[in-house]
């Protein structure tokens, strides 16, 4: 059983506009210009927006058509999957040189437990600066680093001084630092919730931490205790490398509730693709898929399915995840604030195959190998699975569709 050390040192490393930065690194003509990474199809979304595009309101997960209306001079590009794979590999090789306890969140983001590394790496401030500079030396790209006594605070800290910054939140200062942040910076608080809270006088995280239990329960429901702890800077979660994890998952909180089931479904597929990539990267297979859905009122539901045989193929994971989603959405869909998916019951290896599974497995693994090499992380949209299209226009499972990399018109 894991026991929290008395004084933890947690780093959160987040590459700055990773995909857009790679595009600008590889093509000097894009430097200093607004760049949007993604496809240009009618349902394409922005995977990454360069810092030059962000003043126009462009951001990741935004429909590409909307981003181009807000910033018509933006240049839309795709980033080759091979290049992303190469740069991500360099990143995680660099992180591993600083600590053996690295928890990947995606190809460009991770938690690192630096507790006990002071003798080798120096004090946290020096280690964080060294890490930031080493990442730039190895990748020619910038990263932002948050340093704090827990994961929640470290993730907030890494976003505090972007791009190319280091933010230190010392244990003794954590409560005061967190208290002054606008309530919109709080994990899980979208624009609608932010508006409702401000109307009730809750303008900062500190205001939220002072709210009585009854108020918290009325506003957050079953999540009240969790939000109360986070508002006070309490987070006991350990940094867990993929090979030690009991489950591997991804989730996304939306600034505004998503009202289109098809759009939620596409985000869910992005999560499943990331989970599949992480399973294969670590030589693991999953025997259970769990879906997590949160609504604007913070009510959260979950749905799980047990697989006949453990798998690491995206197609099989997606088959169960989408069935869980469709069974819910077809009967009782309502606007979604958060969608998440996790794979559990992990085992090492690829799992046993049934007599008639060989051909399907080989085909799925070929598709996975192709997509791992080309897309590596969700949302790049240079290649998408047919399931991301309208449900009435689905392709066969495993079939992929290429999108144009050039803006239409």
Protein backbone atom coordinates (compact mmCIF):
# COMPACT_ATOMS: atom_id res chain seq x y z
CA UNK A 1 0.00 0.00 0.00
CA UNK A 2 1.33 3.43 -1.00
CA UNK A 3 2.00 5.90 1.81
CA UNK A 4 2.36 9.60 1.06
CA UNK A 5 5.81 10.93 1.97
CA UNK A 6 5.83 13.75 4.50
CA UNK A 7 7.29 16.16 1.90
CA UNK A 8 6.72 15.34 -1.73
CA UNK A 9 8.25 17.12 -4.71
CA UNK A 10 6.12 16.69 -7.82
CA UNK A 11 6.92 18.16 -11.24
CA UNK A 12 4.35 18.62 -13.98
CA UNK A 13 6.02 19.05 -17.37
CA UNK A 14 3.92 20.42 -20.22
CA UNK A 15 5.38 21.10 -23.65
CA UNK A 16 4.39 24.49 -25.06
CA UNK A 17 2.00 24.13 -28.02
CA UNK A 18 3.83 20.90 -28.86
CA UNK A 19 2.45 20.15 -32.33
CA UNK A 20 2.43 23.77 -33.49
CA UNK A 21 5.93 24.25 -32.11
CA UNK A 22 7.20 21.20 -34.03
CA UNK A 23 5.66 22.61 -37.21
CA UNK A 24 7.36 25.96 -36.64
CA UNK A 25 10.66 24.26 -35.80
CA UNK A 26 10.64 22.20 -38.98
CA UNK A 27 9.41 25.04 -41.23
CA UNK A 28 11.10 28.34 -40.31
CA UNK A 29 8.65 30.25 -42.54
CA UNK A 30 5.91 29.51 -39.97
CA UNK A 31 7.77 31.09 -37.07
CA UNK A 32 6.07 34.16 -35.67
CA UNK A 33 2.84 33.37 -37.56
CA UNK A 34 -0.50 32.05 -36.29
CA UNK A 35 -0.48 28.29 -36.86
CA UNK A 36 -3.33 25.81 -36.33
CA UNK A 37 -2.61 22.10 -36.32
CA UNK A 38 -5.38 19.82 -37.53
CA UNK A 39 -7.46 18.89 -40.53
CA UNK A 40 -9.83 21.02 -42.58
CA UNK A 41 -12.81 18.69 -42.96
CA UNK A 42 -16.26 19.88 -41.86
CA UNK A 43 -15.89 18.19 -38.47
CA UNK A 44 -12.19 18.83 -37.90
CA UNK A 45 -11.00 20.35 -34.64
CA UNK A 46 -7.89 22.28 -33.65
CA UNK A 47 -5.32 19.96 -32.13
CA UNK A 48 -2.96 22.78 -31.19
CA UNK A 49 -2.81 26.54 -31.69
CA UNK A 50 0.48 28.39 -31.75
CA UNK A 51 0.92 31.22 -29.28
CA UNK A 52 0.56 33.67 -32.16
CA UNK A 53 -2.96 32.31 -32.83
CA UNK A 54 -4.16 32.36 -29.24
CA UNK A 55 -4.79 36.11 -28.93
CA UNK A 56 -7.52 35.61 -31.54
CA UNK A 57 -9.29 33.15 -29.25
CA UNK A 58 -8.03 30.02 -31.01
CA UNK A 59 -7.53 27.02 -28.75
CA UNK A 60 -7.30 23.25 -28.88
CA UNK A 61 -10.53 21.24 -29.26
CA UNK A 62 -12.21 24.19 -31.00
CA UNK A 63 -13.89 23.43 -34.35
CA UNK A 64 -11.41 24.33 -37.06
CA UNK A 65 -14.05 26.28 -38.97
CA UNK A 66 -14.64 28.52 -35.94
CA UNK A 67 -10.92 29.06 -35.39
CA UNK A 68 -10.47 30.13 -39.03
CA UNK A 69 -13.36 32.58 -38.74
CA UNK A 70 -11.69 34.13 -35.71
CA UNK A 71 -8.24 34.10 -37.29
CA UNK A 72 -8.62 33.88 -41.10
CA UNK A 73 -4.90 34.51 -41.62
CA UNK A 74 -3.99 31.37 -39.66
CA UNK A 75 -2.02 28.68 -41.46
CA UNK A 76 -3.43 25.16 -41.07
CA UNK A 77 -0.85 22.39 -41.04
CA UNK A 78 -0.52 18.76 -40.18
CA UNK A 79 2.45 17.35 -38.27
CA UNK A 80 3.90 14.04 -39.49
CA UNK A 81 3.30 11.27 -36.97
CA UNK A 82 6.86 10.01 -37.35
CA UNK A 83 8.14 13.41 -36.24
CA UNK A 84 5.81 13.53 -33.23
CA UNK A 85 6.87 10.04 -32.23
CA UNK A 86 10.52 11.04 -32.47
CA UNK A 87 10.11 14.21 -30.40
CA UNK A 88 7.93 12.51 -27.78
CA UNK A 89 10.53 9.76 -27.42
CA UNK A 90 13.25 12.36 -26.83
CA UNK A 91 11.06 14.05 -24.23
CA UNK A 92 10.42 10.91 -22.19
CA UNK A 93 14.05 9.82 -22.47
CA UNK A 94 14.96 13.20 -20.98
CA UNK A 95 12.42 12.88 -18.16
CA UNK A 96 13.69 9.39 -17.32
CA UNK A 97 17.16 10.83 -16.78
CA UNK A 98 15.75 12.98 -13.97
CA UNK A 99 13.58 10.39 -12.15
CA UNK A 100 12.49 6.77 -12.59
CA UNK A 101 8.94 7.70 -11.56
CA UNK A 102 7.32 9.29 -14.60
CA UNK A 103 3.57 9.19 -15.27
CA UNK A 104 2.74 10.04 -18.90
CA UNK A 105 -0.48 11.97 -19.46
CA UNK A 106 -0.03 12.22 -23.22
CA UNK A 107 2.85 12.38 -25.68
CA UNK A 108 3.81 15.87 -24.50
CA UNK A 109 2.86 15.99 -20.83
CA UNK A 110 3.81 14.08 -17.68
CA UNK A 111 4.08 14.08 -13.91
CA UNK A 112 7.46 13.32 -12.34
CA UNK A 113 8.01 12.39 -8.71
CA UNK A 114 11.26 14.12 -7.78
CA UNK A 115 11.02 13.29 -4.08
CA UNK A 116 14.41 12.26 -2.74
CA UNK A 117 16.41 13.37 -5.79
CA UNK A 118 17.90 16.48 -4.15
CA UNK A 119 21.33 14.94 -3.60
CA UNK A 120 21.60 14.00 -7.29
CA UNK A 121 19.63 16.81 -8.95
CA UNK A 122 19.90 19.64 -6.44
CA UNK A 123 17.03 21.56 -4.82
CA UNK A 124 13.66 21.61 -6.67
CA UNK A 125 14.18 25.11 -8.09
CA UNK A 126 17.54 24.19 -9.61
CA UNK A 127 16.29 20.79 -10.85
CA UNK A 128 13.29 22.37 -12.57
CA UNK A 129 15.45 24.94 -14.36
CA UNK A 130 17.91 22.23 -15.35
CA UNK A 131 15.07 20.09 -16.70
CA UNK A 132 13.61 22.95 -18.71
CA UNK A 133 16.99 23.78 -20.23
CA UNK A 134 17.78 20.12 -20.92
CA UNK A 135 14.48 19.66 -22.76
CA UNK A 136 15.31 22.65 -24.95
CA UNK A 137 18.83 21.37 -25.58
CA UNK A 138 17.53 17.94 -26.61
CA UNK A 139 14.40 18.96 -28.55
CA UNK A 140 14.91 22.63 -29.50
CA UNK A 141 11.41 23.15 -28.06
CA UNK A 142 10.28 24.85 -24.89
CA UNK A 143 8.44 23.33 -21.94
CA UNK A 144 6.83 24.77 -18.84
CA UNK A 145 7.39 23.13 -15.47
CA UNK A 146 5.27 23.32 -12.35
CA UNK A 147 6.77 22.26 -9.01
CA UNK A 148 4.55 21.58 -6.00
CA UNK A 149 3.91 19.13 -3.18
CA UNK A 150 1.14 17.34 -5.11
CA UNK A 151 -0.12 16.65 -8.63
CA UNK A 152 -3.06 19.08 -8.58
CA UNK A 153 -0.92 22.05 -7.59
CA UNK A 154 1.91 21.05 -9.93
CA UNK A 155 -0.44 20.97 -12.92
CA UNK A 156 -1.86 24.39 -12.06
CA UNK A 157 1.67 25.72 -11.57
CA UNK A 158 2.92 24.56 -14.98
CA UNK A 159 0.18 26.62 -16.64
CA UNK A 160 0.92 29.71 -14.55
CA UNK A 161 3.97 30.99 -16.41
CA UNK A 162 3.64 29.71 -19.98
CA UNK A 163 5.45 29.48 -22.28
CA UNK A 164 8.95 28.41 -21.26
CA UNK A 165 8.50 29.07 -17.56
CA UNK A 166 9.04 27.45 -14.18
CA UNK A 167 6.62 28.04 -11.29
CA UNK A 168 7.45 26.84 -7.80
CA UNK A 169 4.67 26.36 -5.24
CA UNK A 170 6.33 25.57 -1.92
CA UNK A 171 4.42 23.48 0.61
CA UNK A 172 4.31 26.35 3.11
CA UNK A 173 2.95 28.75 0.49
CA UNK A 174 0.59 26.40 -1.33
CA UNK A 175 -2.65 27.36 0.41
CA UNK A 176 -2.08 31.10 -0.02
CA UNK A 177 -0.94 30.71 -3.65
CA UNK A 178 -3.96 28.62 -4.54
CA UNK A 179 -6.42 30.83 -2.68
CA UNK A 180 -5.74 33.89 -4.87
CA UNK A 181 -6.32 32.13 -8.19
CA UNK A 182 -9.50 33.04 -10.13
CA UNK A 183 -12.17 30.38 -9.70
CA UNK A 184 -12.03 29.68 -13.44
CA UNK A 185 -8.54 28.22 -12.98
CA UNK A 186 -9.96 25.51 -10.72
CA UNK A 187 -9.90 22.01 -12.18
CA UNK A 188 -13.35 21.01 -13.48
CA UNK A 189 -14.85 24.51 -13.44
CA UNK A 190 -16.15 25.50 -16.86
CA UNK A 191 -17.45 28.85 -18.05
CA UNK A 192 -21.04 28.22 -16.97
CA UNK A 193 -20.06 27.04 -13.50
CA UNK A 194 -17.64 29.95 -13.20
CA UNK A 195 -20.43 32.39 -14.00
CA UNK A 196 -22.79 30.82 -11.47
CA UNK A 197 -20.11 30.87 -8.77
CA UNK A 198 -19.18 34.49 -9.35
CA UNK A 199 -22.86 35.40 -9.09
CA UNK A 200 -22.81 33.74 -5.67
CA UNK A 201 -19.71 35.62 -4.58
CA UNK A 202 -17.22 32.80 -5.20
CA UNK A 203 -14.59 34.61 -7.25
CA UNK A 204 -11.40 32.83 -6.19
CA UNK A 205 -10.34 29.33 -5.19
CA UNK A 206 -9.94 30.67 -1.67
CA UNK A 207 -13.60 31.72 -1.67
CA UNK A 208 -14.55 28.18 -2.65
CA UNK A 209 -12.41 26.66 0.12
CA UNK A 210 -14.33 28.72 2.68
CA UNK A 211 -17.78 27.62 1.54
CA UNK A 212 -19.71 25.45 4.05
CA UNK A 213 -20.24 21.74 3.48
CA UNK A 214 -23.95 22.13 2.74
CA UNK A 215 -23.31 24.66 -0.02
CA UNK A 216 -20.64 22.43 -1.56
CA UNK A 217 -23.00 19.45 -1.59
CA UNK A 218 -25.77 21.46 -3.24
CA UNK A 219 -23.43 22.74 -5.96
CA UNK A 220 -21.16 19.74 -6.57
CA UNK A 221 -23.27 16.79 -5.44
CA UNK A 222 -21.25 13.61 -5.00
CA UNK A 223 -18.06 15.45 -6.04
CA UNK A 224 -18.31 17.92 -3.14
CA UNK A 225 -15.62 16.31 -0.98
CA UNK A 226 -13.20 16.07 -3.90
CA UNK A 227 -13.63 19.74 -4.86
CA UNK A 228 -13.40 20.84 -1.24
CA UNK A 229 -10.08 19.04 -0.86
CA UNK A 230 -8.68 20.43 -4.11
CA UNK A 231 -9.76 23.98 -3.21
CA UNK A 232 -7.67 23.59 -0.07
CA UNK A 233 -4.71 22.21 -2.01
CA UNK A 234 -5.15 18.62 -0.82
CA UNK A 235 -4.35 15.86 -3.32
CA UNK A 236 -3.07 12.49 -2.17
CA UNK A 237 -2.68 10.85 -5.57
CA UNK A 238 0.77 9.31 -6.18
CA UNK A 239 2.70 9.57 -9.43
CA UNK A 240 2.15 6.16 -11.03
CA UNK A 241 4.17 5.01 -14.07
CA UNK A 242 2.12 3.14 -16.68
CA UNK A 243 3.81 -0.17 -15.90
CA UNK A 244 2.69 0.09 -12.24
CA UNK A 245 -0.79 1.48 -12.85
CA UNK A 246 -3.95 -0.48 -12.08
CA UNK A 247 -5.67 1.39 -14.90
CA UNK A 248 -4.76 3.78 -17.71
CA UNK A 249 -7.18 6.51 -18.64
CA UNK A 250 -7.82 9.90 -20.17
CA UNK A 251 -10.53 12.47 -19.55
CA UNK A 252 -11.34 15.98 -20.71
CA UNK A 253 -13.35 18.76 -19.09
CA UNK A 254 -14.98 21.16 -21.55
CA UNK A 255 -15.19 24.91 -21.01
CA UNK A 256 -18.82 24.70 -22.14
CA UNK A 257 -21.09 21.67 -22.03
CA UNK A 258 -21.06 19.73 -25.31
CA UNK A 259 -24.58 19.34 -26.68
CA UNK A 260 -23.78 17.24 -29.74
CA UNK A 261 -23.47 13.50 -29.01
CA UNK A 262 -21.33 13.03 -32.13
CA UNK A 263 -18.78 15.55 -30.89
CA UNK A 264 -18.59 13.90 -27.46
CA UNK A 265 -18.17 10.58 -29.22
CA UNK A 266 -15.22 11.89 -31.25
CA UNK A 267 -13.47 13.15 -28.12
CA UNK A 268 -14.08 9.74 -26.53
CA UNK A 269 -12.41 8.03 -29.48
CA UNK A 270 -9.44 10.34 -29.09
CA UNK A 271 -9.12 9.15 -25.49
CA UNK A 272 -9.35 5.49 -26.51
CA UNK A 273 -6.63 5.97 -29.13
CA UNK A 274 -4.33 7.46 -26.48
CA UNK A 275 -5.09 4.61 -24.09
CA UNK A 276 -4.32 2.04 -26.77
CA UNK A 277 -1.03 3.77 -27.57
CA UNK A 278 -0.01 3.79 -23.90
CA UNK A 279 -0.94 0.11 -23.45
CA UNK A 280 1.12 -0.97 -26.44
CA UNK A 281 3.99 1.29 -25.43
CA UNK A 282 4.19 -0.48 -22.06
CA UNK A 283 3.45 -4.00 -23.30
CA UNK A 284 0.13 -4.19 -21.42
CA UNK A 285 -3.38 -5.41 -22.24
CA UNK A 286 -6.68 -4.40 -20.63
CA UNK A 287 -9.56 -6.62 -19.54
CA UNK A 288 -12.02 -3.87 -18.65
CA UNK A 289 -13.19 -0.57 -20.17
CA UNK A 290 -14.85 2.12 -18.06
CA UNK A 291 -16.65 5.22 -19.30
CA UNK A 292 -16.98 8.35 -17.14
CA UNK A 293 -19.49 11.13 -17.90
CA UNK A 294 -20.02 14.32 -15.92
CA UNK A 295 -22.79 16.87 -16.48
CA UNK A 296 -22.98 20.61 -15.88
CA UNK A 297 -24.45 20.09 -12.42
CA UNK A 298 -21.40 17.94 -11.54
CA UNK A 299 -23.44 14.76 -11.39
CA UNK A 300 -21.15 11.96 -12.57
CA UNK A 301 -22.04 8.55 -13.92
CA UNK A 302 -19.89 5.63 -15.03
CA UNK A 303 -20.43 2.56 -17.18
CA UNK A 304 -18.10 -0.44 -17.42
CA UNK A 305 -17.69 -3.50 -19.63
CA UNK A 306 -15.55 -6.58 -19.11
CA UNK A 307 -13.83 -7.92 -22.22
CA UNK A 308 -13.91 -11.58 -23.14
CA UNK A 309 -10.12 -11.46 -23.45
CA UNK A 310 -7.61 -8.74 -22.53
CA UNK A 311 -6.51 -6.64 -25.49
CA UNK A 312 -4.22 -3.78 -26.45
CA UNK A 313 -5.83 -3.03 -29.82
CA UNK A 314 -7.63 0.27 -30.24
CA UNK A 315 -10.39 -1.29 -32.35
CA UNK A 316 -11.46 -3.69 -29.60
CA UNK A 317 -11.19 -1.08 -26.86
CA UNK A 318 -13.23 1.34 -28.97
CA UNK A 319 -15.88 -1.26 -29.73
CA UNK A 320 -16.65 -1.59 -26.03
CA UNK A 321 -16.28 2.11 -25.21
CA UNK A 322 -18.60 3.24 -28.01
CA UNK A 323 -21.17 0.58 -27.13
CA UNK A 324 -21.24 1.87 -23.56
CA UNK A 325 -21.58 5.44 -24.83
CA UNK A 326 -24.24 4.65 -27.42
CA UNK A 327 -26.35 2.66 -24.97
CA UNK A 328 -26.42 5.70 -22.72
CA UNK A 329 -26.66 8.43 -25.38
CA UNK A 330 -29.43 6.77 -27.41
CA UNK A 331 -31.71 6.67 -24.36
CA UNK A 332 -30.80 9.57 -22.09
CA UNK A 333 -28.25 11.91 -23.60
CA UNK A 334 -27.82 15.29 -21.95
CA UNK A 335 -25.11 17.95 -22.37
CA UNK A 336 -21.73 16.70 -21.21
CA UNK A 337 -19.20 18.64 -19.12
CA UNK A 338 -16.57 15.90 -18.93
CA UNK A 339 -15.96 12.68 -20.84
CA UNK A 340 -13.37 10.13 -19.85
CA UNK A 341 -12.36 6.56 -20.49
CA UNK A 342 -10.06 4.16 -18.68
CA UNK A 343 -8.74 0.67 -19.29
CA UNK A 344 -8.39 -1.59 -16.25
CA UNK A 345 -7.69 -5.20 -15.24
CA UNK A 346 -4.25 -4.81 -16.79
CA UNK A 347 -1.95 -7.70 -17.55
CA UNK A 348 1.45 -7.90 -19.17
CA UNK A 349 1.55 -9.02 -22.78
CA UNK A 350 -1.11 -9.17 -25.45
CA UNK A 351 -3.47 -11.66 -23.80
CA UNK A 352 -4.62 -15.02 -25.13
CA UNK A 353 -6.31 -15.28 -28.50
CA UNK A 354 -9.27 -17.40 -29.38
CA UNK A 355 -9.16 -19.80 -32.30
CA UNK A 356 -10.99 -17.37 -34.59
CA UNK A 357 -9.39 -14.16 -33.34
CA UNK A 358 -6.07 -14.44 -35.14
CA UNK A 359 -7.03 -12.72 -38.39
CA UNK A 360 -8.91 -9.87 -36.70
CA UNK A 361 -6.09 -9.32 -34.25
CA UNK A 362 -3.46 -9.20 -36.96
CA UNK A 363 -5.52 -6.73 -38.98
CA UNK A 364 -6.17 -4.53 -35.95
CA UNK A 365 -2.51 -4.56 -35.00
CA UNK A 366 -1.53 -3.46 -38.52
CA UNK A 367 -3.97 -0.56 -38.26
CA UNK A 368 -2.67 0.31 -34.79
CA UNK A 369 0.94 0.21 -35.97
CA UNK A 370 0.06 2.58 -38.82
CA UNK A 371 -1.85 5.00 -36.62
CA UNK A 372 0.78 4.85 -33.87
CA UNK A 373 3.36 5.93 -36.40
CA UNK A 374 1.21 8.61 -38.05
CA UNK A 375 -0.99 10.08 -35.37
CA UNK A 376 0.58 8.92 -32.07
CA UNK A 377 -1.67 11.22 -30.04
CA UNK A 378 -5.39 12.05 -30.28
CA UNK A 379 -6.64 14.89 -32.39
CA UNK A 380 -3.89 15.43 -34.93
CA UNK A 381 -6.59 14.74 -37.48
CA UNK A 382 -4.19 14.20 -40.36
CA UNK A 383 -5.53 10.64 -40.23
CA UNK A 384 -8.80 9.78 -38.52
CA UNK A 385 -10.71 6.58 -37.92
CA UNK A 386 -13.99 6.28 -39.78
CA UNK A 387 -15.82 6.20 -36.44
CA UNK A 388 -15.10 9.91 -35.98
CA UNK A 389 -17.44 10.67 -38.85
CA UNK A 390 -21.21 11.04 -38.55
CA UNK A 391 -22.73 7.81 -37.29
CA UNK A 392 -24.82 7.53 -40.46
CA UNK A 393 -21.64 7.56 -42.55
CA UNK A 394 -19.50 5.07 -40.63
CA UNK A 395 -16.84 3.09 -42.37
CA UNK A 396 -15.94 -0.45 -41.48
CA UNK A 397 -14.13 -0.91 -38.14
CA UNK A 398 -10.44 -0.20 -38.44
CA UNK A 399 -10.78 1.66 -41.74
CA UNK A 400 -9.07 5.03 -41.80
CA UNK A 401 -9.78 8.21 -43.71
CA UNK A 402 -7.23 10.80 -44.73
CA UNK A 403 -8.15 14.45 -44.46
CA UNK A 404 -6.76 17.28 -46.55
CA UNK A 405 -4.00 19.30 -44.92
CA UNK A 406 -4.81 22.43 -46.91
CA UNK A 407 -7.63 24.86 -46.07
CA UNK A 408 -10.52 24.65 -48.50
CA UNK A 409 -11.45 27.75 -50.44
